[in-house]
Amino acid sequence: MTTYSRTDLATRVLKDLGLVGADETPPPSDLEWAEETCDSEIAMLSILGLPIWNGSEVSIPQAYLTALSRRIGLAVAPSFGLTDPATAMLAMREAERVLTVMAAPRLSNPRPMRTDDAGSIGHSFRYSTGR
């Protein structure tokens, strides 16, 4: 299975927003900012109970790259005047519906996520077995 790094995801967000051309490499400062934003959004979604994928935030399965990039891009877009915050919030909810279905396509409610260390963000995320 093809996977992508957090740098790949951050670059994809910048490209999806049109802030970096398809054949361009983002400047290091923009890439660092985008990586921090990706980390923050993924951690926030996990805290809210939205499963992103059954793996780590460092290795993103191919199926999630576009959907997650779109969701994170919506959080970034108002900062660049690409949309207003209210419109972005509504669109984020729709993007989260797609991610929810992807996380548990056969279940009506996805299983909750947890971190290996509940007090620390940045560890790999895994599905809770409910035990």
N, C-alpha and C. Protein backbone atom coordinates (compact mmCIF):
# COMPACT_ATOMS: atom_id res chain seq x y z
N MET A 1 0.84 -1.17 0.00
CA MET A 1 0.00 0.00 0.00
C MET A 1 0.89 1.25 0.00
N THR A 2 0.56 2.19 -0.84
CA THR A 2 1.29 3.45 -0.90
C THR A 2 0.92 4.31 0.30
N THR A 3 1.93 4.90 0.93
CA THR A 3 1.70 5.82 2.04
C THR A 3 2.47 7.11 1.79
N TYR A 4 2.08 8.16 2.53
CA TYR A 4 2.69 9.47 2.38
C TYR A 4 3.11 9.99 3.74
N SER A 5 4.14 10.82 3.75
CA SER A 5 4.66 11.41 4.99
C SER A 5 3.90 12.68 5.32
N ARG A 6 4.16 13.20 6.51
CA ARG A 6 3.53 14.47 6.90
C ARG A 6 3.99 15.59 5.98
N THR A 7 5.23 15.52 5.48
CA THR A 7 5.71 16.52 4.52
C THR A 7 4.94 16.42 3.22
N ASP A 8 4.67 15.19 2.77
CA ASP A 8 3.86 15.00 1.57
C ASP A 8 2.47 15.61 1.75
N LEU A 9 1.86 15.37 2.92
CA LEU A 9 0.54 15.91 3.19
C LEU A 9 0.56 17.43 3.22
N ALA A 10 1.53 18.01 3.91
CA ALA A 10 1.63 19.47 4.00
C ALA A 10 1.82 20.09 2.62
N THR A 11 2.66 19.47 1.81
CA THR A 11 2.88 19.96 0.44
C THR A 11 1.60 19.87 -0.36
N ARG A 12 0.88 18.77 -0.20
CA ARG A 12 -0.38 18.58 -0.92
C ARG A 12 -1.40 19.66 -0.53
N VAL A 13 -1.48 20.00 0.75
CA VAL A 13 -2.41 21.06 1.19
C VAL A 13 -2.07 22.36 0.48
N LEU A 14 -0.80 22.73 0.46
CA LEU A 14 -0.40 23.98 -0.19
C LEU A 14 -0.69 23.95 -1.69
N LYS A 15 -0.51 22.82 -2.31
CA LYS A 15 -0.79 22.68 -3.75
C LYS A 15 -2.30 22.71 -4.01
N ASP A 16 -3.07 22.02 -3.19
CA ASP A 16 -4.53 22.00 -3.37
C ASP A 16 -5.12 23.41 -3.24
N LEU A 17 -4.52 24.23 -2.41
CA LEU A 17 -4.99 25.60 -2.23
C LEU A 17 -4.48 26.54 -3.32
N GLY A 18 -3.58 26.05 -4.16
CA GLY A 18 -3.02 26.90 -5.21
C GLY A 18 -1.94 27.83 -4.71
N LEU A 19 -1.44 27.58 -3.51
CA LEU A 19 -0.39 28.42 -2.94
C LEU A 19 0.99 28.02 -3.44
N VAL A 20 1.09 26.80 -3.96
CA VAL A 20 2.32 26.27 -4.54
C VAL A 20 1.91 25.59 -5.85
N GLY A 21 2.68 25.80 -6.88
CA GLY A 21 2.38 25.17 -8.16
C GLY A 21 2.59 23.67 -8.12
N ALA A 22 1.95 22.97 -9.03
CA ALA A 22 2.00 21.51 -9.07
C ALA A 22 3.43 20.98 -9.18
N ASP A 23 4.30 21.71 -9.86
CA ASP A 23 5.67 21.24 -10.05
C ASP A 23 6.67 21.99 -9.17
N GLU A 24 6.16 22.74 -8.19
CA GLU A 24 7.02 23.52 -7.29
C GLU A 24 7.22 22.81 -5.95
N THR A 25 8.30 23.17 -5.30
CA THR A 25 8.56 22.73 -3.94
C THR A 25 8.34 23.94 -3.03
N PRO A 26 7.56 23.79 -1.96
CA PRO A 26 7.33 24.94 -1.08
C PRO A 26 8.61 25.38 -0.38
N PRO A 27 8.73 26.68 -0.12
CA PRO A 27 9.87 27.15 0.66
C PRO A 27 9.87 26.50 2.03
N PRO A 28 11.03 26.27 2.64
CA PRO A 28 11.10 25.60 3.95
C PRO A 28 10.20 26.22 5.02
N SER A 29 10.11 27.54 5.08
CA SER A 29 9.28 28.17 6.11
C SER A 29 7.80 27.87 5.88
N ASP A 30 7.34 27.88 4.63
CA ASP A 30 5.95 27.55 4.33
C ASP A 30 5.66 26.09 4.62
N LEU A 31 6.61 25.23 4.29
CA LEU A 31 6.44 23.80 4.53
C LEU A 31 6.36 23.51 6.02
N GLU A 32 7.23 24.14 6.79
CA GLU A 32 7.20 23.94 8.25
C GLU A 32 5.86 24.39 8.83
N TRP A 33 5.37 25.55 8.38
CA TRP A 33 4.08 26.06 8.86
C TRP A 33 2.95 25.11 8.48
N ALA A 34 2.97 24.60 7.26
CA ALA A 34 1.93 23.69 6.80
C ALA A 34 1.99 22.37 7.57
N GLU A 35 3.18 21.86 7.87
CA GLU A 35 3.31 20.63 8.65
C GLU A 35 2.74 20.83 10.05
N GLU A 36 3.04 21.97 10.68
CA GLU A 36 2.50 22.26 12.01
C GLU A 36 0.98 22.32 11.97
N THR A 37 0.44 22.94 10.92
CA THR A 37 -1.01 23.03 10.77
C THR A 37 -1.62 21.65 10.59
N CYS A 38 -1.00 20.82 9.77
CA CYS A 38 -1.49 19.44 9.58
C CYS A 38 -1.49 18.68 10.90
N ASP A 39 -0.39 18.76 11.63
CA ASP A 39 -0.31 18.08 12.93
C ASP A 39 -1.41 18.55 13.87
N SER A 40 -1.62 19.85 13.91
CA SER A 40 -2.62 20.42 14.80
C SER A 40 -4.03 19.98 14.41
N GLU A 41 -4.35 20.02 13.13
CA GLU A 41 -5.69 19.64 12.67
C GLU A 41 -5.96 18.16 12.91
N ILE A 42 -4.97 17.31 12.65
CA ILE A 42 -5.14 15.87 12.88
C ILE A 42 -5.35 15.59 14.37
N ALA A 43 -4.56 16.26 15.22
CA ALA A 43 -4.72 16.08 16.67
C ALA A 43 -6.09 16.58 17.12
N MET A 44 -6.53 17.71 16.61
CA MET A 44 -7.83 18.26 16.98
C MET A 44 -8.96 17.33 16.55
N LEU A 45 -8.89 16.79 15.33
CA LEU A 45 -9.91 15.86 14.87
C LEU A 45 -9.96 14.62 15.75
N SER A 46 -8.81 14.15 16.17
CA SER A 46 -8.76 12.98 17.05
C SER A 46 -9.40 13.29 18.41
N ILE A 47 -9.10 14.46 18.96
CA ILE A 47 -9.68 14.86 20.24
C ILE A 47 -11.19 14.95 20.14
N LEU A 48 -11.69 15.42 19.00
CA LEU A 48 -13.13 15.51 18.78
C LEU A 48 -13.78 14.15 18.54
N GLY A 49 -12.94 13.12 18.42
CA GLY A 49 -13.47 11.77 18.24
C GLY A 49 -13.65 11.36 16.80
N LEU A 50 -13.07 12.11 15.86
CA LEU A 50 -13.17 11.74 14.45
C LEU A 50 -11.96 10.91 14.07
N PRO A 51 -12.16 9.63 13.83
CA PRO A 51 -11.04 8.79 13.42
C PRO A 51 -10.54 9.21 12.04
N ILE A 52 -9.26 9.31 11.89
CA ILE A 52 -8.68 9.68 10.60
C ILE A 52 -8.24 8.42 9.85
N TRP A 53 -7.48 7.58 10.47
CA TRP A 53 -7.09 6.31 9.89
C TRP A 53 -6.49 5.45 10.98
N ASN A 54 -6.38 4.18 10.71
CA ASN A 54 -5.84 3.26 11.69
C ASN A 54 -4.34 3.14 11.45
N GLY A 55 -3.60 4.11 11.90
CA GLY A 55 -2.16 4.14 11.70
C GLY A 55 -1.58 5.33 12.41
N SER A 56 -0.47 5.80 11.94
CA SER A 56 0.17 6.94 12.58
C SER A 56 0.03 8.18 11.73
N GLU A 57 0.23 9.32 12.36
CA GLU A 57 0.15 10.57 11.61
C GLU A 57 1.36 10.78 10.71
N VAL A 58 2.34 9.89 10.79
CA VAL A 58 3.54 10.00 9.98
C VAL A 58 3.41 9.24 8.67
N SER A 59 2.57 8.24 8.62
CA SER A 59 2.39 7.43 7.43
C SER A 59 0.91 7.46 7.03
N ILE A 60 0.61 8.24 6.02
CA ILE A 60 -0.77 8.48 5.62
C ILE A 60 -1.12 7.58 4.44
N PRO A 61 -2.12 6.71 4.59
CA PRO A 61 -2.52 5.84 3.48
C PRO A 61 -2.99 6.67 2.28
N GLN A 62 -2.72 6.16 1.09
CA GLN A 62 -3.06 6.86 -0.14
C GLN A 62 -4.52 7.28 -0.19
N ALA A 63 -5.42 6.44 0.27
CA ALA A 63 -6.84 6.74 0.21
C ALA A 63 -7.22 7.99 0.99
N TYR A 64 -6.42 8.36 2.00
CA TYR A 64 -6.73 9.52 2.83
C TYR A 64 -6.08 10.81 2.35
N LEU A 65 -5.09 10.73 1.48
CA LEU A 65 -4.31 11.91 1.11
C LEU A 65 -5.18 13.06 0.61
N THR A 66 -6.02 12.82 -0.36
CA THR A 66 -6.83 13.90 -0.94
C THR A 66 -7.90 14.39 0.04
N ALA A 67 -8.63 13.47 0.65
CA ALA A 67 -9.70 13.88 1.57
C ALA A 67 -9.16 14.65 2.77
N LEU A 68 -8.05 14.20 3.32
CA LEU A 68 -7.47 14.88 4.47
C LEU A 68 -6.86 16.22 4.05
N SER A 69 -6.26 16.27 2.89
CA SER A 69 -5.72 17.53 2.38
C SER A 69 -6.82 18.57 2.18
N ARG A 70 -7.95 18.13 1.64
CA ARG A 70 -9.08 19.06 1.46
C ARG A 70 -9.57 19.58 2.80
N ARG A 71 -9.70 18.70 3.79
CA ARG A 71 -10.19 19.11 5.11
C ARG A 71 -9.23 20.10 5.77
N ILE A 72 -7.95 19.80 5.73
CA ILE A 72 -6.97 20.69 6.34
C ILE A 72 -6.86 21.99 5.55
N GLY A 73 -6.96 21.90 4.24
CA GLY A 73 -6.93 23.11 3.41
C GLY A 73 -8.04 24.08 3.76
N LEU A 74 -9.20 23.55 4.13
CA LEU A 74 -10.32 24.41 4.53
C LEU A 74 -10.00 25.18 5.82
N ALA A 75 -9.20 24.61 6.68
CA ALA A 75 -8.79 25.29 7.91
C ALA A 75 -7.76 26.38 7.60
N VAL A 76 -6.99 26.19 6.55
CA VAL A 76 -5.93 27.12 6.17
C VAL A 76 -6.46 28.26 5.28
N ALA A 77 -7.43 27.98 4.46
CA ALA A 77 -7.90 28.92 3.43
C ALA A 77 -8.24 30.32 3.95
N PRO A 78 -8.94 30.47 5.08
CA PRO A 78 -9.24 31.84 5.54
C PRO A 78 -7.99 32.67 5.84
N SER A 79 -6.91 32.03 6.25
CA SER A 79 -5.66 32.75 6.55
C SER A 79 -5.10 33.45 5.33
N PHE A 80 -5.41 32.93 4.15
CA PHE A 80 -4.91 33.50 2.91
C PHE A 80 -5.98 34.25 2.13
N GLY A 81 -7.13 34.47 2.78
CA GLY A 81 -8.21 35.20 2.12
C GLY A 81 -8.88 34.43 1.01
N LEU A 82 -8.76 33.11 1.02
CA LEU A 82 -9.35 32.28 -0.03
C LEU A 82 -10.83 32.00 0.22
N THR A 83 -11.27 32.15 1.45
CA THR A 83 -12.67 32.00 1.83
C THR A 83 -12.86 32.66 3.18
N ASP A 84 -14.09 32.82 3.59
CA ASP A 84 -14.34 33.39 4.91
C ASP A 84 -14.47 32.25 5.93
N PRO A 85 -14.23 32.54 7.21
CA PRO A 85 -14.26 31.48 8.23
C PRO A 85 -15.59 30.72 8.32
N ALA A 86 -16.72 31.41 8.17
CA ALA A 86 -18.02 30.74 8.28
C ALA A 86 -18.21 29.73 7.16
N THR A 87 -17.86 30.11 5.96
CA THR A 87 -17.98 29.19 4.82
C THR A 87 -17.03 28.01 5.00
N ALA A 88 -15.83 28.29 5.48
CA ALA A 88 -14.85 27.22 5.70
C ALA A 88 -15.35 26.23 6.74
N MET A 89 -15.97 26.73 7.82
CA MET A 89 -16.48 25.83 8.87
C MET A 89 -17.57 24.90 8.33
N LEU A 90 -18.47 25.43 7.53
CA LEU A 90 -19.50 24.57 6.94
C LEU A 90 -18.89 23.52 6.03
N ALA A 91 -17.94 23.93 5.22
CA ALA A 91 -17.29 22.99 4.32
C ALA A 91 -16.47 21.95 5.08
N MET A 92 -15.87 22.34 6.20
CA MET A 92 -15.11 21.39 7.02
C MET A 92 -16.01 20.28 7.53
N ARG A 93 -17.22 20.63 7.93
CA ARG A 93 -18.16 19.61 8.41
C ARG A 93 -18.45 18.58 7.32
N GLU A 94 -18.62 19.04 6.10
CA GLU A 94 -18.86 18.12 4.99
C GLU A 94 -17.63 17.25 4.73
N ALA A 95 -16.46 17.85 4.78
CA ALA A 95 -15.23 17.09 4.57
C ALA A 95 -15.04 16.04 5.66
N GLU A 96 -15.45 16.37 6.88
CA GLU A 96 -15.34 15.42 7.99
C GLU A 96 -16.29 14.25 7.81
N ARG A 97 -17.41 14.46 7.16
CA ARG A 97 -18.33 13.35 6.88
C ARG A 97 -17.66 12.31 5.99
N VAL A 98 -16.95 12.78 4.99
CA VAL A 98 -16.23 11.86 4.10
C VAL A 98 -15.19 11.08 4.89
N LEU A 99 -14.42 11.76 5.73
CA LEU A 99 -13.40 11.09 6.54
C LEU A 99 -14.02 10.09 7.51
N THR A 100 -15.19 10.41 8.05
CA THR A 100 -15.87 9.50 8.97
C THR A 100 -16.29 8.23 8.25
N VAL A 101 -16.84 8.36 7.06
CA VAL A 101 -17.24 7.18 6.28
C VAL A 101 -16.01 6.36 5.92
N MET A 102 -14.93 7.02 5.54
CA MET A 102 -13.71 6.30 5.19
C MET A 102 -13.15 5.53 6.37
N ALA A 103 -13.28 6.09 7.56
CA ALA A 103 -12.73 5.46 8.75
C ALA A 103 -13.50 4.22 9.17
N ALA A 104 -14.77 4.16 8.84
CA ALA A 104 -15.60 3.03 9.24
C ALA A 104 -16.70 2.81 8.20
N PRO A 105 -16.35 2.38 6.99
CA PRO A 105 -17.36 2.28 5.93
C PRO A 105 -18.48 1.29 6.21
N ARG A 106 -18.27 0.30 7.07
CA ARG A 106 -19.31 -0.71 7.31
C ARG A 106 -20.05 -0.47 8.62
N LEU A 107 -19.68 0.55 9.35
CA LEU A 107 -20.30 0.81 10.65
C LEU A 107 -21.08 2.11 10.59
N SER A 108 -22.16 2.18 11.34
CA SER A 108 -22.91 3.43 11.39
C SER A 108 -22.18 4.46 12.24
N ASN A 109 -21.42 4.01 13.23
CA ASN A 109 -20.63 4.91 14.07
C ASN A 109 -19.21 4.38 14.14
N PRO A 110 -18.21 5.18 13.73
CA PRO A 110 -16.83 4.70 13.81
C PRO A 110 -16.39 4.50 15.24
N ARG A 111 -15.48 3.56 15.42
CA ARG A 111 -14.93 3.35 16.75
C ARG A 111 -14.09 4.55 17.15
N PRO A 112 -14.08 4.92 18.44
CA PRO A 112 -13.31 6.08 18.88
C PRO A 112 -11.81 5.84 18.76
N MET A 113 -11.09 6.90 18.55
CA MET A 113 -9.63 6.83 18.47
C MET A 113 -9.05 7.11 19.84
N ARG A 114 -7.83 6.67 20.04
CA ARG A 114 -7.10 7.00 21.25
C ARG A 114 -5.64 7.12 20.89
N THR A 115 -4.85 7.77 21.72
CA THR A 115 -3.42 7.80 21.52
C THR A 115 -2.80 6.78 22.45
N ASP A 116 -1.58 6.39 22.16
CA ASP A 116 -0.89 5.45 23.03
C ASP A 116 -0.68 6.05 24.41
N ASP A 117 -0.49 7.35 24.45
CA ASP A 117 -0.33 8.07 25.71
C ASP A 117 -1.38 9.16 25.71
N ALA A 118 -2.46 8.98 26.44
CA ALA A 118 -3.62 9.87 26.38
C ALA A 118 -3.27 11.32 26.69
N GLY A 119 -2.20 11.56 27.41
CA GLY A 119 -1.84 12.92 27.76
C GLY A 119 -0.90 13.57 26.77
N SER A 120 -0.55 12.89 25.71
CA SER A 120 0.44 13.42 24.80
C SER A 120 -0.05 13.33 23.37
N ILE A 121 0.06 14.43 22.65
CA ILE A 121 -0.30 14.45 21.24
C ILE A 121 0.97 14.23 20.45
N GLY A 122 0.89 13.52 19.36
CA GLY A 122 2.05 13.28 18.53
C GLY A 122 2.43 11.82 18.48
N HIS A 123 1.83 11.02 19.34
CA HIS A 123 2.04 9.58 19.27
C HIS A 123 1.14 9.02 18.20
N SER A 124 1.37 7.79 17.82
CA SER A 124 0.52 7.20 16.79
C SER A 124 -0.89 6.96 17.32
N PHE A 125 -1.85 7.06 16.43
CA PHE A 125 -3.24 6.86 16.77
C PHE A 125 -3.62 5.44 16.43
N ARG A 126 -4.45 4.84 17.27
CA ARG A 126 -4.94 3.48 17.01
C ARG A 126 -6.41 3.42 17.38
N TYR A 127 -7.12 2.50 16.76
CA TYR A 127 -8.51 2.31 17.12
C TYR A 127 -8.59 1.69 18.50
N SER A 128 -9.52 2.15 19.27
CA SER A 128 -9.79 1.57 20.58
C SER A 128 -10.61 0.30 20.38
N THR A 129 -10.28 -0.74 21.11
CA THR A 129 -11.01 -1.99 21.00
C THR A 129 -12.22 -2.01 21.92
N GLY A 130 -12.33 -1.01 22.77
CA GLY A 130 -13.47 -0.91 23.69
C GLY A 130 -13.32 -1.81 24.91
N ARG A 131 -12.16 -2.41 25.07
CA ARG A 131 -11.92 -3.28 26.23
C ARG A 131 -11.24 -2.54 27.34
